Structures are given as structure tokens and as C-alpha cells.
C-alpha atoms as a PDB file:
ATOM      1  CA  MET A   1       7.455  35.919  36.542  1.00  0.00           C
ATOM      2  CA  LYS A   2       8.821  35.577  32.863  1.00  0.00           C
ATOM      3  CA  LYS A   3      10.719  32.820  31.496  1.00  0.00           C
ATOM      4  CA  ILE A   4      12.908  33.247  27.938  1.00  0.00           C
ATOM      5  CA  TYR A   5      13.672  30.260  25.953  1.00  0.00           C
ATOM      6  CA  PRO A   6      15.975  30.575  23.072  1.00  0.00           C
ATOM      7  CA  ILE A   7      15.171  28.576  19.938  1.00  0.00           C
ATOM      8  CA  THR A   8      17.403  25.415  18.863  1.00  0.00           C
ATOM      9  CA  ASP A   9      17.888  24.395  15.384  1.00  0.00           C
ATOM     10  CA  ASP A  10      15.435  21.362  15.696  1.00  0.00           C
ATOM     11  CA  PHE A  11      12.267  24.100  16.060  1.00  0.00           C
ATOM     12  CA  ILE A  12      13.333  26.405  12.993  1.00  0.00           C
ATOM     13  CA  ASP A  13      10.690  26.603  10.480  1.00  0.00           C
ATOM     14  CA  ALA A  14       8.344  25.065  13.440  1.00  0.00           C
ATOM     15  CA  ARG A  15       4.960  26.802  13.737  1.00  0.00           C
ATOM     16  CA  LEU A  16       4.851  28.921  17.397  1.00  0.00           C
ATOM     17  CA  ASP A  17       1.977  26.612  18.784  1.00  0.00           C
ATOM     18  CA  ARG A  18       3.647  23.512  17.897  1.00  0.00           C
ATOM     19  CA  TRP A  19       7.117  24.486  19.307  1.00  0.00           C
ATOM     20  CA  PHE A  20       4.400  25.708  22.415  1.00  0.00           C
ATOM     21  CA  LYS A  21       2.785  22.070  22.987  1.00  0.00           C
ATOM     22  CA  LYS A  22       5.947  20.080  22.088  1.00  0.00           C
ATOM     23  CA  LYS A  23       8.089  22.307  23.981  1.00  0.00           C
ATOM     24  CA  ILE A  24       6.594  23.721  27.209  1.00  0.00           C
ATOM     25  CA  PHE A  25       3.234  22.527  27.826  1.00  0.00           C
ATOM     26  CA  ASN A  26       0.413  20.465  25.535  1.00  0.00           C
ATOM     27  CA  ILE A  27      -2.489  22.792  26.280  1.00  0.00           C
ATOM     28  CA  PRO A  28      -5.318  23.336  24.236  1.00  0.00           C
ATOM     29  CA  GLN A  29      -5.050  25.595  20.842  1.00  0.00           C
ATOM     30  CA  SER A  30      -7.803  27.881  22.278  1.00  0.00           C
ATOM     31  CA  TYR A  31      -5.697  28.724  25.331  1.00  0.00           C
ATOM     32  CA  ILE A  32      -2.284  29.700  23.186  1.00  0.00           C
ATOM     33  CA  GLU A  33      -4.261  31.900  21.352  1.00  0.00           C
ATOM     34  CA  LYS A  34      -5.906  33.634  24.016  1.00  0.00           C
ATOM     35  CA  ASN A  35      -2.262  34.481  25.887  1.00  0.00           C
ATOM     36  CA  LEU A  36      -0.848  35.134  22.345  1.00  0.00           C
ATOM     37  CA  ARG A  37      -3.538  38.104  21.991  1.00  0.00           C
ATOM     38  CA  LYS A  38      -2.975  39.499  25.622  1.00  0.00           C
ATOM     39  CA  GLY A  39       0.524  39.463  24.923  1.00  0.00           C
ATOM     40  CA  LYS A  40       1.691  36.440  27.502  1.00  0.00           C
ATOM     41  CA  ILE A  41       3.368  34.754  24.478  1.00  0.00           C
ATOM     42  CA  LYS A  42       5.921  37.019  22.749  1.00  0.00           C
ATOM     43  CA  VAL A  43       8.638  36.132  20.343  1.00  0.00           C
ATOM     44  CA  ASN A  44      11.141  38.667  20.231  1.00  0.00           C
ATOM     45  CA  ASP A  45       9.059  40.688  22.488  1.00  0.00           C
ATOM     46  CA  LYS A  46       6.615  41.643  19.844  1.00  0.00           C
ATOM     47  CA  LYS A  47       3.104  40.177  19.483  1.00  0.00           C
ATOM     48  CA  VAL A  48       2.773  37.355  17.044  1.00  0.00           C
ATOM     49  CA  LYS A  49       0.213  34.550  15.373  1.00  0.00           C
ATOM     50  CA  SER A  50       0.357  30.964  16.223  1.00  0.00           C
ATOM     51  CA  ALA A  51       1.151  30.354  12.823  1.00  0.00           C
ATOM     52  CA  TYR A  52       4.419  32.468  12.975  1.00  0.00           C
ATOM     53  CA  LYS A  53       7.599  30.210  11.972  1.00  0.00           C
ATOM     54  CA  LEU A  54      10.085  30.527  14.178  1.00  0.00           C
ATOM     55  CA  LYS A  55      13.772  31.437  13.146  1.00  0.00           C
ATOM     56  CA  ILE A  56      17.682  30.850  14.310  1.00  0.00           C
ATOM     57  CA  ASN A  57      18.140  33.447  17.381  1.00  0.00           C
ATOM     58  CA  ASP A  58      14.535  33.998  17.931  1.00  0.00           C
ATOM     59  CA  SER A  59      13.274  33.833  21.604  1.00  0.00           C
ATOM     60  CA  VAL A  60      10.207  33.086  23.160  1.00  0.00           C
ATOM     61  CA  THR A  61       8.992  34.854  26.117  1.00  0.00           C
ATOM     62  CA  ILE A  62       6.525  33.632  28.530  1.00  0.00           C
ATOM     63  CA  PHE A  63       4.449  35.975  30.822  1.00  0.00           C
ATOM     64  CA  ASP A  64       2.736  34.326  34.356  1.00  0.00           C
ATOM     65  CA  LEU A  65       1.890  31.077  32.808  1.00  0.00           C
ATOM     66  CA  ILE A  66       1.149  28.151  35.320  1.00  0.00           C
ATOM     67  CA  PHE A  67       0.416  24.990  33.751  1.00  0.00           C
ATOM     68  CA  LEU A  68      -1.258  22.520  35.978  1.00  0.00           C
ATOM     69  CA  PRO A  69      -0.756  18.431  34.856  1.00  0.00           C
ATOM     70  CA  ASP A  70      -3.981  16.712  33.419  1.00  0.00           C
ATOM     71  CA  LYS A  71      -5.008  14.115  35.335  1.00  0.00           C
ATOM     72  CA  ASN A  72      -6.993  12.540  32.658  1.00  0.00           C
ATOM     73  CA  LYS A  73      -3.952  12.392  30.160  1.00  0.00           C
ATOM     74  CA  LYS A  74      -2.339   9.452  29.290  1.00  0.00           C
ATOM     75  CA  ILE A  75       1.093   9.316  30.483  1.00  0.00           C
ATOM     76  CA  ILE A  76       3.543   8.560  27.096  1.00  0.00           C
ATOM     77  CA  LYS A  77       5.568   5.811  28.204  1.00  0.00           C
ATOM     78  CA  LYS A  78       9.593   6.081  27.236  1.00  0.00           C
ATOM     79  CA  TYR A  79      11.343   2.649  26.489  1.00  0.00           C
ATOM     80  CA  ILE A  80      14.781   2.361  28.299  1.00  0.00           C
ATOM     81  CA  PRO A  81      17.640   0.546  26.432  1.00  0.00           C
ATOM     82  CA  ASN A  82      19.124  -1.953  28.693  1.00  0.00           C
ATOM     83  CA  LYS A  83      23.014  -2.224  28.735  1.00  0.00           C
ATOM     84  CA  ASN A  84      23.143  -4.603  26.006  1.00  0.00           C
ATOM     85  CA  GLU A  85      20.853  -3.297  23.739  1.00  0.00           C
ATOM     86  CA  LEU A  86      23.029   0.239  23.696  1.00  0.00           C
ATOM     87  CA  SER A  87      26.215  -2.112  23.741  1.00  0.00           C
ATOM     88  CA  LYS A  88      24.506  -3.627  20.363  1.00  0.00           C
ATOM     89  CA  SER A  89      23.402  -0.851  18.948  1.00  0.00           C
ATOM     90  CA  SER A  90      26.719   0.534  17.158  1.00  0.00           C
ATOM     91  CA  GLU A  91      26.654  -2.390  15.297  1.00  0.00           C
ATOM     92  CA  MET A  92      23.106  -1.008  13.243  1.00  0.00           C
ATOM     93  CA  PHE A  93      24.589   2.209  12.239  1.00  0.00           C
ATOM     94  CA  ILE A  94      25.289   2.262   8.198  1.00  0.00           C
ATOM     95  CA  GLU A  95      26.072   6.166   8.014  1.00  0.00           C
ATOM     96  CA  ASN A  96      26.214   8.913  10.926  1.00  0.00           C
ATOM     97  CA  ASN A  97      26.857  12.282  10.239  1.00  0.00           C
ATOM     98  CA  ASP A  98      25.577  15.705  11.734  1.00  0.00           C
ATOM     99  CA  ASP A  99      22.013  15.813  10.233  1.00  0.00           C
ATOM    100  CA  PHE A 100      20.928  12.156   9.725  1.00  0.00           C
ATOM    101  CA  VAL A 101      22.083   8.480  10.812  1.00  0.00           C
ATOM    102  CA  VAL A 102      21.141   5.362   8.223  1.00  0.00           C
ATOM    103  CA  ILE A 103      20.860   2.098  10.308  1.00  0.00           C
ATOM    104  CA  ASN A 104      20.292  -1.644   9.574  1.00  0.00           C
ATOM    105  CA  LYS A 105      17.251  -2.328  11.623  1.00  0.00           C
ATOM    106  CA  PRO A 106      17.222  -5.841  13.261  1.00  0.00           C
ATOM    107  CA  ALA A 107      13.220  -7.823  13.043  1.00  0.00           C
ATOM    108  CA  GLY A 108      11.130  -7.452  15.963  1.00  0.00           C
ATOM    109  CA  ILE A 109      12.003  -3.526  16.826  1.00  0.00           C
ATOM    110  CA  ALA A 110       9.362  -1.022  15.943  1.00  0.00           C
ATOM    111  CA  VAL A 111      10.052   2.183  14.838  1.00  0.00           C
ATOM    112  CA  GLN A 112       8.081   4.021  17.011  1.00  0.00           C
ATOM    113  CA  SER A 113       6.164   2.730  20.189  1.00  0.00           C
ATOM    114  CA  GLY A 114       2.771   1.562  19.938  1.00  0.00           C
ATOM    115  CA  THR A 115      -0.265   0.329  21.752  1.00  0.00           C
ATOM    116  CA  LYS A 116       1.047  -3.261  21.227  1.00  0.00           C
ATOM    117  CA  SER A 117       4.630  -2.620  21.390  1.00  0.00           C
ATOM    118  CA  LEU A 118       6.741  -0.269  24.030  1.00  0.00           C
ATOM    119  CA  LYS A 119       9.809  -0.994  22.400  1.00  0.00           C
ATOM    120  CA  ASN A 120      11.097   1.132  19.475  1.00  0.00           C
ATOM    121  CA  ILE A 121      14.452   2.001  17.425  1.00  0.00           C
ATOM    122  CA  LEU A 122      13.686   6.032  18.353  1.00  0.00           C
ATOM    123  CA  ASP A 123      13.726   5.301  21.958  1.00  0.00           C
ATOM    124  CA  ILE A 124      16.870   3.257  21.706  1.00  0.00           C
ATOM    125  CA  LEU A 125      18.693   5.527  19.377  1.00  0.00           C
ATOM    126  CA  GLN A 126      17.889   7.950  21.735  1.00  0.00           C
ATOM    127  CA  LYS A 127      20.174   7.081  24.522  1.00  0.00           C
ATOM    128  CA  THR A 128      23.522   6.051  22.052  1.00  0.00           C
ATOM    129  CA  ASN A 129      26.135   8.178  22.135  1.00  0.00           C
ATOM    130  CA  GLU A 130      25.807   9.244  18.248  1.00  0.00           C
ATOM    131  CA  PHE A 131      22.257  11.107  19.076  1.00  0.00           C
ATOM    132  CA  LYS A 132      24.346  12.516  22.378  1.00  0.00           C
ATOM    133  CA  ASN A 133      23.308  16.291  21.444  1.00  0.00           C
ATOM    134  CA  SER A 134      20.363  15.533  19.438  1.00  0.00           C
ATOM    135  CA  SER A 135      16.972  13.978  18.870  1.00  0.00           C
ATOM    136  CA  PRO A 136      15.838  11.074  16.379  1.00  0.00           C
ATOM    137  CA  PHE A 137      13.221  12.125  14.376  1.00  0.00           C
ATOM    138  CA  ALA A 138      11.398   9.518  12.164  1.00  0.00           C
ATOM    139  CA  VAL A 139      10.991  10.447   8.591  1.00  0.00           C
ATOM    140  CA  HIS A 140      10.033   6.865   7.483  1.00  0.00           C
ATOM    141  CA  ARG A 141       8.787   3.633   8.547  1.00  0.00           C
ATOM    142  CA  ILE A 142       9.400  -0.322   8.026  1.00  0.00           C
ATOM    143  CA  ASP A 143       7.272  -2.525   9.646  1.00  0.00           C
ATOM    144  CA  LYS A 144       8.251  -4.389  12.970  1.00  0.00           C
ATOM    145  CA  GLU A 145       9.467  -7.740  11.509  1.00  0.00           C
ATOM    146  CA  THR A 146      11.469  -6.479   7.886  1.00  0.00           C
ATOM    147  CA  THR A 147      14.735  -5.838   8.715  1.00  0.00           C
ATOM    148  CA  GLY A 148      17.259  -3.452   6.793  1.00  0.00           C
ATOM    149  CA  ILE A 149      17.496   0.269   6.037  1.00  0.00           C
ATOM    150  CA  LEU A 150      16.311   2.952   8.018  1.00  0.00           C
ATOM    151  CA  ILE A 151      16.840   6.914   7.715  1.00  0.00           C
ATOM    152  CA  VAL A 152      16.277   8.790  10.901  1.00  0.00           C
ATOM    153  CA  ALA A 153      16.938  12.523  11.374  1.00  0.00           C
ATOM    154  CA  LYS A 154      19.008  14.232  13.715  1.00  0.00           C
ATOM    155  CA  ASN A 155      17.337  17.705  13.841  1.00  0.00           C
ATOM    156  CA  ARG A 156      14.058  19.287  12.189  1.00  0.00           C
ATOM    157  CA  LYS A 157      15.526  20.832   8.972  1.00  0.00           C
ATOM    158  CA  TYR A 158      16.306  17.507   7.795  1.00  0.00           C
ATOM    159  CA  ALA A 159      13.256  15.642   8.981  1.00  0.00           C
ATOM    160  CA  GLN A 160      11.369  17.958   6.916  1.00  0.00           C
ATOM    161  CA  LEU A 161      13.799  17.788   3.636  1.00  0.00           C
ATOM    162  CA  PHE A 162      13.460  13.995   3.539  1.00  0.00           C
ATOM    163  CA  THR A 163       9.752  13.878   4.256  1.00  0.00           C
ATOM    164  CA  SER A 164       8.995  15.910   1.437  1.00  0.00           C
ATOM    165  CA  LEU A 165      11.906  13.451  -0.591  1.00  0.00           C
ATOM    166  CA  PHE A 166       9.778  10.452   0.147  1.00  0.00           C
ATOM    167  CA  ARG A 167       6.694  12.392  -0.681  1.00  0.00           C
ATOM    168  CA  ILE A 168       7.824  13.791  -4.035  1.00  0.00           C
ATOM    169  CA  ARG A 169       9.485   9.757  -5.035  1.00  0.00           C
ATOM    170  CA  LYS A 170      12.709  11.060  -4.972  1.00  0.00           C
ATOM    171  CA  ILE A 171      14.270   8.636  -2.521  1.00  0.00           C
ATOM    172  CA  HIS A 172      14.591   5.012  -4.094  1.00  0.00           C
ATOM    173  CA  LYS A 173      14.561   1.750  -2.050  1.00  0.00           C
ATOM    174  CA  THR A 174      15.253  -1.542  -3.313  1.00  0.00           C
ATOM    175  CA  TYR A 175      14.226  -4.700  -0.878  1.00  0.00           C
ATOM    176  CA  LEU A 176      14.829  -8.556  -1.391  1.00  0.00           C
ATOM    177  CA  GLY A 177      12.146 -10.858  -0.650  1.00  0.00           C
ATOM    178  CA  ILE A 178      12.326 -14.646  -0.327  1.00  0.00           C
ATOM    179  CA  VAL A 179       8.339 -15.486  -1.649  1.00  0.00           C
ATOM    180  CA  ILE A 180       6.528 -18.577  -1.876  1.00  0.00           C
ATOM    181  CA  GLY A 181       6.434 -20.080  -5.644  1.00  0.00           C
ATOM    182  CA  ASP A 182       8.272 -19.784  -8.961  1.00  0.00           C
ATOM    183  CA  PHE A 183       7.626 -16.752 -11.743  1.00  0.00           C
ATOM    184  CA  GLU A 184       6.872 -17.324 -15.260  1.00  0.00           C
ATOM    185  CA  GLU A 185       7.786 -13.418 -16.161  1.00  0.00           C
ATOM    186  CA  LYS A 186      11.468 -13.219 -14.795  1.00  0.00           C
ATOM    187  CA  LYS A 187      10.484  -9.054 -14.349  1.00  0.00           C
ATOM    188  CA  GLY A 188       7.791  -7.134 -14.347  1.00  0.00           C
ATOM    189  CA  THR A 189       5.084  -4.628 -12.391  1.00  0.00           C
ATOM    190  CA  PHE A 190       2.653  -5.266  -9.779  1.00  0.00           C
ATOM    191  CA  VAL A 191       0.037  -2.803 -10.335  1.00  0.00           C
ATOM    192  CA  ASP A 192      -2.734  -2.740  -7.909  1.00  0.00           C
ATOM    193  CA  ASP A 193      -5.342  -1.317  -5.825  1.00  0.00           C
ATOM    194  CA  LEU A 194      -5.296  -1.954  -2.447  1.00  0.00           C
ATOM    195  CA  ILE A 195      -7.919  -1.456  -0.034  1.00  0.00           C
ATOM    196  CA  TYR A 196      -7.513  -0.180   3.990  1.00  0.00           C
ATOM    197  CA  TYR A 197      -9.766   0.446   6.158  1.00  0.00           C
ATOM    198  CA  GLU A 198      -9.978   2.992   9.033  1.00  0.00           C
ATOM    199  CA  GLY A 199     -12.438   2.290  11.556  1.00  0.00           C
ATOM    200  CA  LYS A 200     -15.857   2.114   8.623  1.00  0.00           C
ATOM    201  CA  LYS A 201     -13.873   3.822   6.493  1.00  0.00           C
ATOM    202  CA  LYS A 202     -12.984   2.441   2.952  1.00  0.00           C
ATOM    203  CA  THR A 203     -10.312   3.533   0.957  1.00  0.00           C
ATOM    204  CA  ILE A 204      -8.699   2.543  -1.892  1.00  0.00           C
ATOM    205  CA  LEU A 205      -4.862   3.142  -3.173  1.00  0.00           C
ATOM    206  CA  LYS A 206      -2.886   2.603  -6.073  1.00  0.00           C
ATOM    207  CA  ALA A 207      -0.228   0.790  -5.697  1.00  0.00           C
ATOM    208  CA  ILE A 208       2.892   0.226  -7.831  1.00  0.00           C
ATOM    209  CA  THR A 209       6.193  -2.261  -7.199  1.00  0.00           C
ATOM    210  CA  HIS A 210       8.917  -2.944 -10.120  1.00  0.00           C
ATOM    211  CA  TYR A 211      10.084  -7.032  -9.416  1.00  0.00           C
ATOM    212  CA  ASN A 212      13.284  -8.974 -10.730  1.00  0.00           C
ATOM    213  CA  VAL A 213      13.202 -13.123 -10.051  1.00  0.00           C
ATOM    214  CA  ILE A 214      16.905 -12.909  -8.852  1.00  0.00           C
ATOM    215  CA  ASP A 215      16.704 -16.974  -8.476  1.00  0.00           C
ATOM    216  CA  SER A 216      13.872 -19.676  -8.051  1.00  0.00           C
ATOM    217  CA  SER A 217      14.092 -23.351  -6.863  1.00  0.00           C
ATOM    218  CA  SER A 218      11.717 -26.032  -5.362  1.00  0.00           C
ATOM    219  CA  ASN A 219       8.744 -23.575  -5.066  1.00  0.00           C
ATOM    220  CA  TYR A 220      10.596 -20.786  -3.476  1.00  0.00           C
ATOM    221  CA  SER A 221      11.632 -17.124  -5.043  1.00  0.00           C
ATOM    222  CA  LEU A 222      14.135 -14.398  -4.258  1.00  0.00           C
ATOM    223  CA  LEU A 223      12.812 -11.251  -5.759  1.00  0.00           C
ATOM    224  CA  LYS A 224      14.553  -7.825  -6.033  1.00  0.00           C
ATOM    225  CA  LEU A 225      11.323  -5.105  -5.339  1.00  0.00           C
ATOM    226  CA  SER A 226      11.229  -1.550  -6.282  1.00  0.00           C
ATOM    227  CA  PRO A 227       8.332   0.323  -5.144  1.00  0.00           C
ATOM    228  CA  VAL A 228       7.368   3.021  -6.767  1.00  0.00           C
ATOM    229  CA  THR A 229       4.424   3.977  -4.015  1.00  0.00           C
ATOM    230  CA  GLY A 230       4.843   3.966  -0.290  1.00  0.00           C
ATOM    231  CA  ARG A 231       1.651   2.413   0.726  1.00  0.00           C
ATOM    232  CA  LYS A 232       1.281   0.722   4.096  1.00  0.00           C
ATOM    233  CA  HIS A 233       2.131  -3.287   3.746  1.00  0.00           C
ATOM    234  CA  GLN A 234       2.367  -2.564   0.069  1.00  0.00           C
ATOM    235  CA  LEU A 235       4.731  -5.176  -0.540  1.00  0.00           C
ATOM    236  CA  ARG A 236       3.326  -7.772   1.592  1.00  0.00           C
ATOM    237  CA  LYS A 237      -0.478  -7.097   0.455  1.00  0.00           C
ATOM    238  CA  GLN A 238       0.705  -7.125  -3.241  1.00  0.00           C
ATOM    239  CA  LEU A 239       2.548 -10.181  -3.010  1.00  0.00           C
ATOM    240  CA  LEU A 240      -0.306 -12.219  -1.817  1.00  0.00           C
ATOM    241  CA  LEU A 241      -2.265 -10.701  -4.315  1.00  0.00           C
ATOM    242  CA  HIS A 242      -0.455 -12.101  -6.699  1.00  0.00           C
ATOM    243  CA  GLY A 243       0.108 -15.716  -5.401  1.00  0.00           C
ATOM    244  CA  HIS A 244       3.544 -15.113  -3.645  1.00  0.00           C
ATOM    245  CA  PRO A 245       2.979 -14.623   0.054  1.00  0.00           C
ATOM    246  CA  ILE A 246       6.238 -13.569   1.629  1.00  0.00           C
ATOM    247  CA  LEU A 247       8.042 -16.443   3.941  1.00  0.00           C
ATOM    248  CA  GLY A 248       7.478 -15.914   7.248  1.00  0.00           C
ATOM    249  CA  ASP A 249       4.851 -13.530   6.350  1.00  0.00           C
ATOM    250  CA  SER A 250       1.735 -14.798   9.798  1.00  0.00           C
ATOM    251  CA  LYS A 251      -0.540 -11.592   8.502  1.00  0.00           C
ATOM    252  CA  TYR A 252      -0.653 -11.541   4.775  1.00  0.00           C
ATOM    253  CA  SER A 253      -0.569 -15.432   3.479  1.00  0.00           C
ATOM    254  CA  PHE A 254      -2.524 -18.246   2.102  1.00  0.00           C
ATOM    255  CA  LEU A 255      -5.481 -19.165   4.643  1.00  0.00           C
ATOM    256  CA  ASP A 256      -4.552 -22.837   4.249  1.00  0.00           C
ATOM    257  CA  ARG A 257      -1.148 -22.393   5.327  1.00  0.00           C
ATOM    258  CA  LYS A 258       0.411 -21.589   9.182  1.00  0.00           C
ATOM    259  CA  VAL A 259       2.865 -19.865   9.676  1.00  0.00           C
ATOM    260  CA  ASN A 260       5.403 -20.914  12.763  1.00  0.00           C
ATOM    261  CA  LYS A 261       5.525 -17.945  15.189  1.00  0.00           C
ATOM    262  CA  LYS A 262       9.014 -18.200  15.486  1.00  0.00           C
ATOM    263  CA  SER A 263       9.535 -18.019  11.481  1.00  0.00           C
ATOM    264  CA  PHE A 264      11.173 -14.756  10.848  1.00  0.00           C
ATOM    265  CA  LEU A 265       9.709 -12.567   7.859  1.00  0.00           C
ATOM    266  CA  MET A 266      11.526 -12.694   4.727  1.00  0.00           C
ATOM    267  CA  LEU A 267      11.604  -9.257   3.648  1.00  0.00           C
ATOM    268  CA  HIS A 268      14.427  -6.471   3.819  1.00  0.00           C
ATOM    269  CA  ALA A 269      15.219  -2.794   2.726  1.00  0.00           C
ATOM    270  CA  HIS A 270      18.619  -3.585   0.778  1.00  0.00           C
ATOM    271  CA  LYS A 271      18.836  -0.761  -0.482  1.00  0.00           C
ATOM    272  CA  ILE A 272      18.462   3.119  -0.635  1.00  0.00           C
ATOM    273  CA  ASN A 273      19.491   6.332  -2.742  1.00  0.00           C
ATOM    274  CA  PHE A 274      18.885   9.855  -2.851  1.00  0.00           C
ATOM    275  CA  SER A 275      20.672  13.175  -3.473  1.00  0.00           C
ATOM    276  CA  ILE A 276      20.409  16.414  -1.567  1.00  0.00           C
ATOM    277  CA  ASP A 277      22.053  19.411  -3.251  1.00  0.00           C
ATOM    278  CA  SER A 278      23.627  17.653  -5.761  1.00  0.00           C
ATOM    279  CA  VAL A 279      25.159  15.257  -3.328  1.00  0.00           C
ATOM    280  CA  LYS A 280      24.156  11.549  -4.312  1.00  0.00           C
ATOM    281  CA  TYR A 281      23.891   9.245  -1.475  1.00  0.00           C
ATOM    282  CA  ASN A 282      23.791   5.314  -1.953  1.00  0.00           C
ATOM    283  CA  PHE A 283      23.719   2.884   0.859  1.00  0.00           C
ATOM    284  CA  PHE A 284      23.413  -0.420   1.845  1.00  0.00           C
ATOM    285  CA  ALA A 285      22.313  -2.892   4.196  1.00  0.00           C
ATOM    286  CA  GLU A 286      23.494  -6.004   4.902  1.00  0.00           C
ATOM    287  CA  PRO A 287      20.764  -8.815   4.950  1.00  0.00           C
ATOM    288  CA  SER A 288      20.442 -10.843   8.791  1.00  0.00           C
ATOM    289  CA  LEU A 289      22.110 -13.978   9.330  1.00  0.00           C
ATOM    290  CA  ASP A 290      18.368 -15.394   9.646  1.00  0.00           C
ATOM    291  CA  PHE A 291      17.977 -14.592   5.705  1.00  0.00           C
ATOM    292  CA  LYS A 292      21.155 -15.782   4.871  1.00  0.00           C
ATOM    293  CA  LYS A 293      20.069 -19.320   6.336  1.00  0.00           C
ATOM    294  CA  ILE A 294      17.168 -19.591   4.929  1.00  0.00           C
ATOM    295  CA  LEU A 295      18.521 -18.763   1.485  1.00  0.00           C
ATOM    296  CA  LYS A 296      20.551 -21.509   2.085  1.00  0.00           C
ATOM    297  CA  GLU A 297      17.879 -24.222   3.125  1.00  0.00           C
ATOM    298  CA  LYS A 298      16.240 -23.133  -0.023  1.00  0.00           C
ATOM    299  CA  ASN A 299      18.875 -23.505  -2.305  1.00  0.00           C
ATOM    300  CA  LEU A 300      18.857 -20.015  -3.579  1.00  0.00           C
ATOM    301  CA  LYS A 301      21.781 -18.403  -4.783  1.00  0.00           C
ATOM    302  CA  ILE A 302      23.321 -15.851  -2.454  1.00  0.00           C
ATOM    303  CA  PHE A 303      22.152 -11.942  -4.106  1.00  0.00           C
ATOM    304  CA  SER A 304      24.918  -9.607  -5.298  1.00  0.00           C
ATOM    305  CA  ARG A 305      24.954  -6.006  -4.522  1.00  0.00           C
END
């Protein structure tokens, strides 16, 4: 018995072994290699290596392979959005085209499912009309409590493109943050060595962020933040290091200052710009009502685009 699988756009330029694990069955690499050598997995009726890059119009033929489920393997649960979430999802979209979307992510929703949070943007998007004939690919992340601009690719080609653009710093993001304290210098650059731990392994990474003070009042400031590097929790870590933690941050705040669990993190991904094939893209995300409410409470002026 044999089965033939045509290659879809989502897997163009993907390695054959990665396609197999994602599309067919997540089996050990050694098992894939063994069956490629035996000719039980072929591309266009020819033997190929596991690193073969799939092309449009390719077809993969699989001969006499039976896969039994691994009883010890953890089942990855998908978040199933309710009708209310789906009806409101259309409000998130800033841009929707054949290759990617840009959304204004609300607070309290992670980009991807994790151990602490099942609810996530990708699973919600998967069920929307905008992704009816495609799958969402995360190309960057913003924190669960951060609001604002998020790019999500609709195919593997654009996922790889955006990942490359982020890596070579050709995508420029601007954030708005309400922080504690006044600044002597109205603009400047934070350059810091941030410490990260993975288990017992310690890593130090340089982080660079440009800042501009838009307004200050009553020991609070509204900042425009332009990160040059893209470190995890970069803005939150740097602002705490410089004595100006973000309002509502329960993790990176002064030890003697308790943050109400109901408080919202006052960090918003405000703008993003990049170019693809000489076409310039500029997107703007309106801050949330909670963000605007705090601006008013702290007597900080409303910003302009």
C-alpha cells in the first residue's frame, strides 16, 4: 500500500524530514533515514536525502509504513476559542493579505500556547475567516500582558522571510510605555548587558534601546521606546535597571512597591515598519482603552502618531 502527498505552499523549501514529522508522523530521525535508504519514502518516485528541500509540484510517496501512537507522548492541547472571542477577533486586524496579517493584540493573551497558559493568539487566529485556507505562523512575539502590533505569517515562505528580516534588524518597532519617575535627559539610549538563565547556564546579552520622553507629570513619564536588539523582556528589564519600571509590571518592579494583580502592564507595541521587494509597509496600532485611561489619570498628554 502506498500513499501520495502533494506538497502545499506552506512547505516549499522545507526539509523533507521536517515536513514528514510535521505533516505525517513525528517519528525518530533514525527511522526516517532508514526508510529513505530502503526507498519506502520517495520524492517524485526518486530516492532523496532527508535534507532534501521540497519544491512546488513535488509529491512524496510513502510505501507500507504503519505508525502506532506513542502512549508516553504528551498530547498537545489546542485552545478552542468561544463564539464571543471569534466574533470579536475581527476587531484585532490592522492588515490582512494573502501572505500575512498584522493585528493589535489585546492584553492577557499569549502568542503561543505554554505550560501556564493554554489560551493563545495562534489558536484563535486558526479558527477565523481570515485564516480559512491557511495556517498562522508566529514570526516574533510580544509578552502576554503587552498590547499592540503583532505580525503573523500565513505561509512558510513569509514566515521564513519575516524571521530573516527580524534577524538582520530590518524590521523596526516602536513601543509606548508609561513608567515611574521623571527623566533628566529627554532622549537617549540604554545600552545594557542583560543576564539570562537557562537552568544553571548563565548568558549575558547586550541590549540597546533608544528612548524619547513624550511627557512627564507627577512622577510618571510617557516614553517612546525603539529597541535595536530583540532580547526577551528587553524593555521591561532595561527600564527597571535604569530606575524607571513600567507601570503595572508585576515581575520587573521595585521590591518595595507591590503591583496590584488587576493592574495592566502599560507597554504597547505602537508602530512597525519594514520593506519587502522595495514596497514599504508602515502599521500603527491604537492603544487600548486601559492605556488611555491611565494616561488621563496620570495627567499625561495623549501622544500623536
